[in-house]
């Protein structure tokens, strides 16, 4: 979670606001252009800003039956087609 927070704070203010708005949007919609499943427990928020593709990796905490919590663990600016295995491994650890 701290890695995701640090990533967000290193982004320009305008980009950070867009990332946060897309995360908010994901709470109301299941739009795969915003939130996509990568592996069994790993999901990614997908944000495009200009030519940049920002990704924030997250997982679901479903222990509370009334509310589901989405926990963001890590963020990066995507520079290749598939998410790097190193980033996915970091997410699960």
N, C-alpha and C. Protein backbone atom coordinates (compact mmCIF):
# COMPACT_ATOMS: atom_id res chain seq x y z
N UNK A 1 0.81 -1.18 0.00
CA UNK A 1 0.00 0.00 0.00
C UNK A 1 0.86 1.25 0.00
N UNK A 2 1.95 1.20 0.75
CA UNK A 2 2.85 2.36 0.80
C UNK A 2 3.49 2.61 -0.57
N UNK A 3 3.83 1.53 -1.29
CA UNK A 3 4.39 1.68 -2.64
C UNK A 3 3.41 2.39 -3.57
N UNK A 4 2.14 2.03 -3.48
CA UNK A 4 1.11 2.66 -4.32
C UNK A 4 0.97 4.14 -3.96
N UNK A 5 0.99 4.44 -2.68
CA UNK A 5 0.88 5.83 -2.23
C UNK A 5 2.08 6.65 -2.73
N UNK A 6 3.27 6.11 -2.59
CA UNK A 6 4.46 6.83 -3.06
C UNK A 6 4.41 7.04 -4.57
N UNK A 7 3.95 6.04 -5.30
CA UNK A 7 3.82 6.16 -6.74
C UNK A 7 2.86 7.30 -7.10
N UNK A 8 1.71 7.34 -6.44
CA UNK A 8 0.74 8.40 -6.73
C UNK A 8 1.31 9.79 -6.44
N UNK A 9 2.03 9.93 -5.35
CA UNK A 9 2.56 11.24 -4.99
C UNK A 9 3.72 11.70 -5.86
N UNK A 10 4.35 10.77 -6.60
CA UNK A 10 5.41 11.18 -7.51
C UNK A 10 4.86 11.65 -8.85
N UNK A 11 3.57 11.36 -9.13
CA UNK A 11 2.95 11.78 -10.38
C UNK A 11 2.61 13.27 -10.35
N UNK A 12 2.53 13.87 -11.54
CA UNK A 12 2.08 15.25 -11.62
C UNK A 12 0.65 15.32 -11.07
N UNK A 13 0.29 16.47 -10.52
CA UNK A 13 -1.02 16.64 -9.89
C UNK A 13 -2.16 16.29 -10.84
N UNK A 14 -2.10 16.73 -12.07
CA UNK A 14 -3.15 16.48 -13.06
C UNK A 14 -3.32 14.97 -13.32
N UNK A 15 -2.20 14.27 -13.44
CA UNK A 15 -2.24 12.83 -13.67
C UNK A 15 -2.76 12.11 -12.43
N UNK A 16 -2.29 12.52 -11.25
CA UNK A 16 -2.73 11.91 -9.99
C UNK A 16 -4.25 12.04 -9.83
N UNK A 17 -4.81 13.21 -10.17
CA UNK A 17 -6.26 13.41 -10.07
C UNK A 17 -7.00 12.46 -11.01
N UNK A 18 -6.45 12.24 -12.21
CA UNK A 18 -7.11 11.33 -13.15
C UNK A 18 -7.05 9.89 -12.63
N UNK A 19 -5.92 9.48 -12.07
CA UNK A 19 -5.80 8.13 -11.52
C UNK A 19 -6.83 7.94 -10.41
N UNK A 20 -6.92 8.89 -9.51
CA UNK A 20 -7.87 8.78 -8.40
C UNK A 20 -9.31 8.77 -8.91
N UNK A 21 -9.61 9.57 -9.93
CA UNK A 21 -10.98 9.57 -10.46
C UNK A 21 -11.32 8.23 -11.11
N UNK A 22 -10.35 7.59 -11.77
CA UNK A 22 -10.59 6.27 -12.37
C UNK A 22 -10.79 5.21 -11.29
N UNK A 23 -10.05 5.31 -10.21
CA UNK A 23 -10.23 4.37 -9.10
C UNK A 23 -11.63 4.56 -8.51
N UNK A 24 -12.06 5.81 -8.35
CA UNK A 24 -13.42 6.08 -7.87
C UNK A 24 -14.45 5.50 -8.84
N UNK A 25 -14.24 5.67 -10.14
CA UNK A 25 -15.15 5.14 -11.15
C UNK A 25 -15.29 3.63 -11.04
N UNK A 26 -14.21 2.96 -10.73
CA UNK A 26 -14.22 1.50 -10.61
C UNK A 26 -15.11 1.02 -9.47
N UNK A 27 -15.40 1.89 -8.49
CA UNK A 27 -16.29 1.49 -7.41
C UNK A 27 -17.74 1.41 -7.87
N UNK A 28 -18.05 2.02 -9.02
CA UNK A 28 -19.43 2.05 -9.51
C UNK A 28 -19.65 1.25 -10.80
N UNK A 29 -18.59 0.80 -11.42
CA UNK A 29 -18.71 0.12 -12.70
C UNK A 29 -17.73 -1.05 -12.78
N UNK A 30 -18.01 -1.97 -13.64
CA UNK A 30 -17.10 -3.09 -13.88
C UNK A 30 -16.50 -2.97 -15.27
N UNK A 31 -16.19 -1.79 -15.66
CA UNK A 31 -15.66 -1.51 -16.99
C UNK A 31 -14.25 -2.08 -17.11
N UNK A 32 -14.03 -3.06 -18.01
CA UNK A 32 -12.71 -3.67 -18.13
C UNK A 32 -11.64 -2.71 -18.66
N UNK A 33 -12.04 -1.57 -19.19
CA UNK A 33 -11.03 -0.60 -19.62
C UNK A 33 -10.46 0.15 -18.41
N UNK A 34 -11.11 0.03 -17.26
CA UNK A 34 -10.65 0.70 -16.04
C UNK A 34 -10.01 -0.29 -15.07
N UNK A 35 -10.60 -1.46 -14.93
CA UNK A 35 -10.18 -2.41 -13.91
C UNK A 35 -10.17 -3.80 -14.54
N UNK A 36 -9.02 -4.45 -14.62
CA UNK A 36 -8.88 -5.70 -15.34
C UNK A 36 -8.18 -6.75 -14.47
N UNK A 37 -8.65 -7.98 -14.55
CA UNK A 37 -8.03 -9.09 -13.82
C UNK A 37 -6.80 -9.56 -14.57
N UNK A 38 -5.68 -9.68 -13.87
CA UNK A 38 -4.42 -10.14 -14.47
C UNK A 38 -4.14 -11.60 -14.14
N UNK A 39 -4.28 -11.93 -12.88
CA UNK A 39 -4.06 -13.29 -12.38
C UNK A 39 -5.15 -13.60 -11.38
N UNK A 40 -5.09 -14.75 -10.75
CA UNK A 40 -6.17 -15.18 -9.87
C UNK A 40 -6.58 -14.12 -8.84
N UNK A 41 -5.64 -13.49 -8.20
CA UNK A 41 -5.97 -12.50 -7.17
C UNK A 41 -5.47 -11.10 -7.48
N UNK A 42 -4.85 -10.90 -8.61
CA UNK A 42 -4.26 -9.60 -8.92
C UNK A 42 -5.07 -8.90 -10.01
N UNK A 43 -5.42 -7.67 -9.74
CA UNK A 43 -6.17 -6.83 -10.67
C UNK A 43 -5.35 -5.58 -10.94
N UNK A 44 -5.67 -4.88 -12.03
CA UNK A 44 -4.98 -3.63 -12.30
C UNK A 44 -5.98 -2.56 -12.68
N UNK A 45 -5.75 -1.36 -12.13
CA UNK A 45 -6.44 -0.17 -12.60
C UNK A 45 -5.68 0.28 -13.83
N UNK A 46 -6.41 0.58 -14.90
CA UNK A 46 -5.78 0.96 -16.17
C UNK A 46 -6.17 2.40 -16.48
N UNK A 47 -5.18 3.27 -16.51
CA UNK A 47 -5.42 4.69 -16.75
C UNK A 47 -4.54 5.16 -17.89
N UNK A 48 -5.14 5.79 -18.86
CA UNK A 48 -4.37 6.37 -19.96
C UNK A 48 -4.39 7.88 -19.79
N UNK A 49 -3.21 8.48 -19.87
CA UNK A 49 -3.09 9.93 -19.80
C UNK A 49 -2.14 10.36 -20.90
N UNK A 50 -2.68 10.95 -21.96
CA UNK A 50 -1.85 11.28 -23.11
C UNK A 50 -1.29 10.00 -23.69
N UNK A 51 0.01 9.93 -23.82
CA UNK A 51 0.66 8.71 -24.33
C UNK A 51 1.06 7.75 -23.21
N UNK A 52 0.88 8.17 -21.98
CA UNK A 52 1.26 7.34 -20.84
C UNK A 52 0.14 6.37 -20.48
N UNK A 53 0.54 5.18 -20.09
CA UNK A 53 -0.39 4.19 -19.56
C UNK A 53 0.03 3.90 -18.12
N UNK A 54 -0.80 4.34 -17.21
CA UNK A 54 -0.50 4.17 -15.79
C UNK A 54 -1.24 2.94 -15.29
N UNK A 55 -0.56 2.13 -14.50
CA UNK A 55 -1.15 0.93 -13.93
C UNK A 55 -0.97 0.95 -12.42
N UNK A 56 -2.02 0.58 -11.71
CA UNK A 56 -1.97 0.42 -10.27
C UNK A 56 -2.47 -0.98 -9.98
N UNK A 57 -1.61 -1.82 -9.42
CA UNK A 57 -1.96 -3.20 -9.12
C UNK A 57 -2.66 -3.29 -7.76
N UNK A 58 -3.69 -4.14 -7.71
CA UNK A 58 -4.50 -4.21 -6.49
C UNK A 58 -5.04 -5.63 -6.31
N UNK A 59 -5.62 -5.86 -5.14
CA UNK A 59 -6.31 -7.12 -4.87
C UNK A 59 -7.55 -6.82 -4.03
N UNK A 60 -8.46 -7.77 -4.00
CA UNK A 60 -9.71 -7.64 -3.26
C UNK A 60 -9.56 -8.26 -1.87
N UNK A 61 -10.08 -7.58 -0.86
CA UNK A 61 -10.18 -8.14 0.48
C UNK A 61 -11.67 -8.37 0.75
N UNK A 62 -12.10 -9.63 0.70
CA UNK A 62 -13.53 -9.96 0.81
C UNK A 62 -13.88 -10.56 2.17
N UNK A 63 -13.11 -10.28 3.19
CA UNK A 63 -13.39 -10.87 4.50
C UNK A 63 -14.70 -10.36 5.09
N UNK A 64 -15.05 -9.10 4.81
CA UNK A 64 -16.29 -8.52 5.30
C UNK A 64 -17.37 -8.79 4.25
N UNK A 65 -18.43 -9.51 4.64
CA UNK A 65 -19.48 -9.91 3.69
C UNK A 65 -20.27 -8.71 3.16
N UNK A 66 -20.33 -7.61 3.91
CA UNK A 66 -21.12 -6.45 3.49
C UNK A 66 -20.33 -5.48 2.62
N UNK A 67 -19.04 -5.44 2.79
CA UNK A 67 -18.21 -4.52 2.02
C UNK A 67 -16.96 -5.24 1.53
N UNK A 68 -16.58 -4.93 0.31
CA UNK A 68 -15.34 -5.45 -0.25
C UNK A 68 -14.35 -4.31 -0.33
N UNK A 69 -13.18 -4.55 0.12
CA UNK A 69 -12.13 -3.54 0.10
C UNK A 69 -11.14 -3.87 -1.00
N UNK A 70 -10.82 -2.87 -1.82
CA UNK A 70 -9.80 -3.04 -2.85
C UNK A 70 -8.53 -2.37 -2.34
N UNK A 71 -7.46 -3.13 -2.27
CA UNK A 71 -6.20 -2.62 -1.72
C UNK A 71 -5.18 -2.48 -2.84
N UNK A 72 -4.76 -1.25 -3.08
CA UNK A 72 -3.73 -0.98 -4.09
C UNK A 72 -2.37 -1.22 -3.47
N UNK A 73 -1.53 -1.97 -4.17
CA UNK A 73 -0.22 -2.32 -3.63
C UNK A 73 0.94 -1.66 -4.34
N UNK A 74 0.78 -1.41 -5.64
CA UNK A 74 1.94 -0.96 -6.40
C UNK A 74 1.46 -0.24 -7.66
N UNK A 75 2.20 0.76 -8.11
CA UNK A 75 1.86 1.46 -9.34
C UNK A 75 3.08 1.64 -10.21
N UNK A 76 2.86 1.75 -11.52
CA UNK A 76 3.95 1.99 -12.44
C UNK A 76 3.41 2.56 -13.74
N UNK A 77 4.29 3.16 -14.51
CA UNK A 77 3.94 3.63 -15.84
C UNK A 77 4.34 2.53 -16.80
N UNK A 78 3.36 2.03 -17.53
CA UNK A 78 3.57 0.87 -18.39
C UNK A 78 4.37 1.27 -19.62
N UNK A 79 5.37 0.47 -19.94
CA UNK A 79 6.21 0.76 -21.10
C UNK A 79 6.33 -0.44 -22.03
N UNK A 80 5.51 -1.46 -21.81
CA UNK A 80 5.51 -2.63 -22.68
C UNK A 80 4.11 -3.22 -22.72
N UNK A 81 3.88 -4.18 -23.59
CA UNK A 81 2.54 -4.72 -23.82
C UNK A 81 1.98 -5.47 -22.61
N UNK A 82 2.73 -6.42 -22.07
CA UNK A 82 2.25 -7.20 -20.93
C UNK A 82 2.82 -6.63 -19.64
N UNK A 83 2.07 -6.77 -18.52
CA UNK A 83 2.62 -6.31 -17.24
C UNK A 83 3.87 -7.12 -16.91
N UNK A 84 4.94 -6.47 -16.48
CA UNK A 84 6.18 -7.19 -16.17
C UNK A 84 5.98 -8.19 -15.04
N UNK A 85 6.52 -9.40 -15.22
CA UNK A 85 6.40 -10.44 -14.20
C UNK A 85 6.97 -9.99 -12.87
N UNK A 86 8.02 -9.18 -12.92
CA UNK A 86 8.64 -8.67 -11.70
C UNK A 86 7.63 -7.83 -10.90
N UNK A 87 6.83 -7.03 -11.58
CA UNK A 87 5.83 -6.20 -10.91
C UNK A 87 4.71 -7.08 -10.32
N UNK A 88 4.30 -8.11 -11.05
CA UNK A 88 3.26 -9.01 -10.55
C UNK A 88 3.73 -9.77 -9.32
N UNK A 89 4.99 -10.22 -9.36
CA UNK A 89 5.55 -10.94 -8.21
C UNK A 89 5.61 -10.03 -7.00
N UNK A 90 5.97 -8.77 -7.20
CA UNK A 90 6.04 -7.80 -6.11
C UNK A 90 4.65 -7.58 -5.52
N UNK A 91 3.62 -7.59 -6.36
CA UNK A 91 2.25 -7.40 -5.92
C UNK A 91 1.81 -8.49 -4.96
N UNK A 92 2.15 -9.73 -5.28
CA UNK A 92 1.67 -10.84 -4.48
C UNK A 92 2.46 -11.04 -3.20
N UNK A 93 3.59 -10.35 -3.08
CA UNK A 93 4.44 -10.55 -1.91
C UNK A 93 4.25 -9.61 -0.80
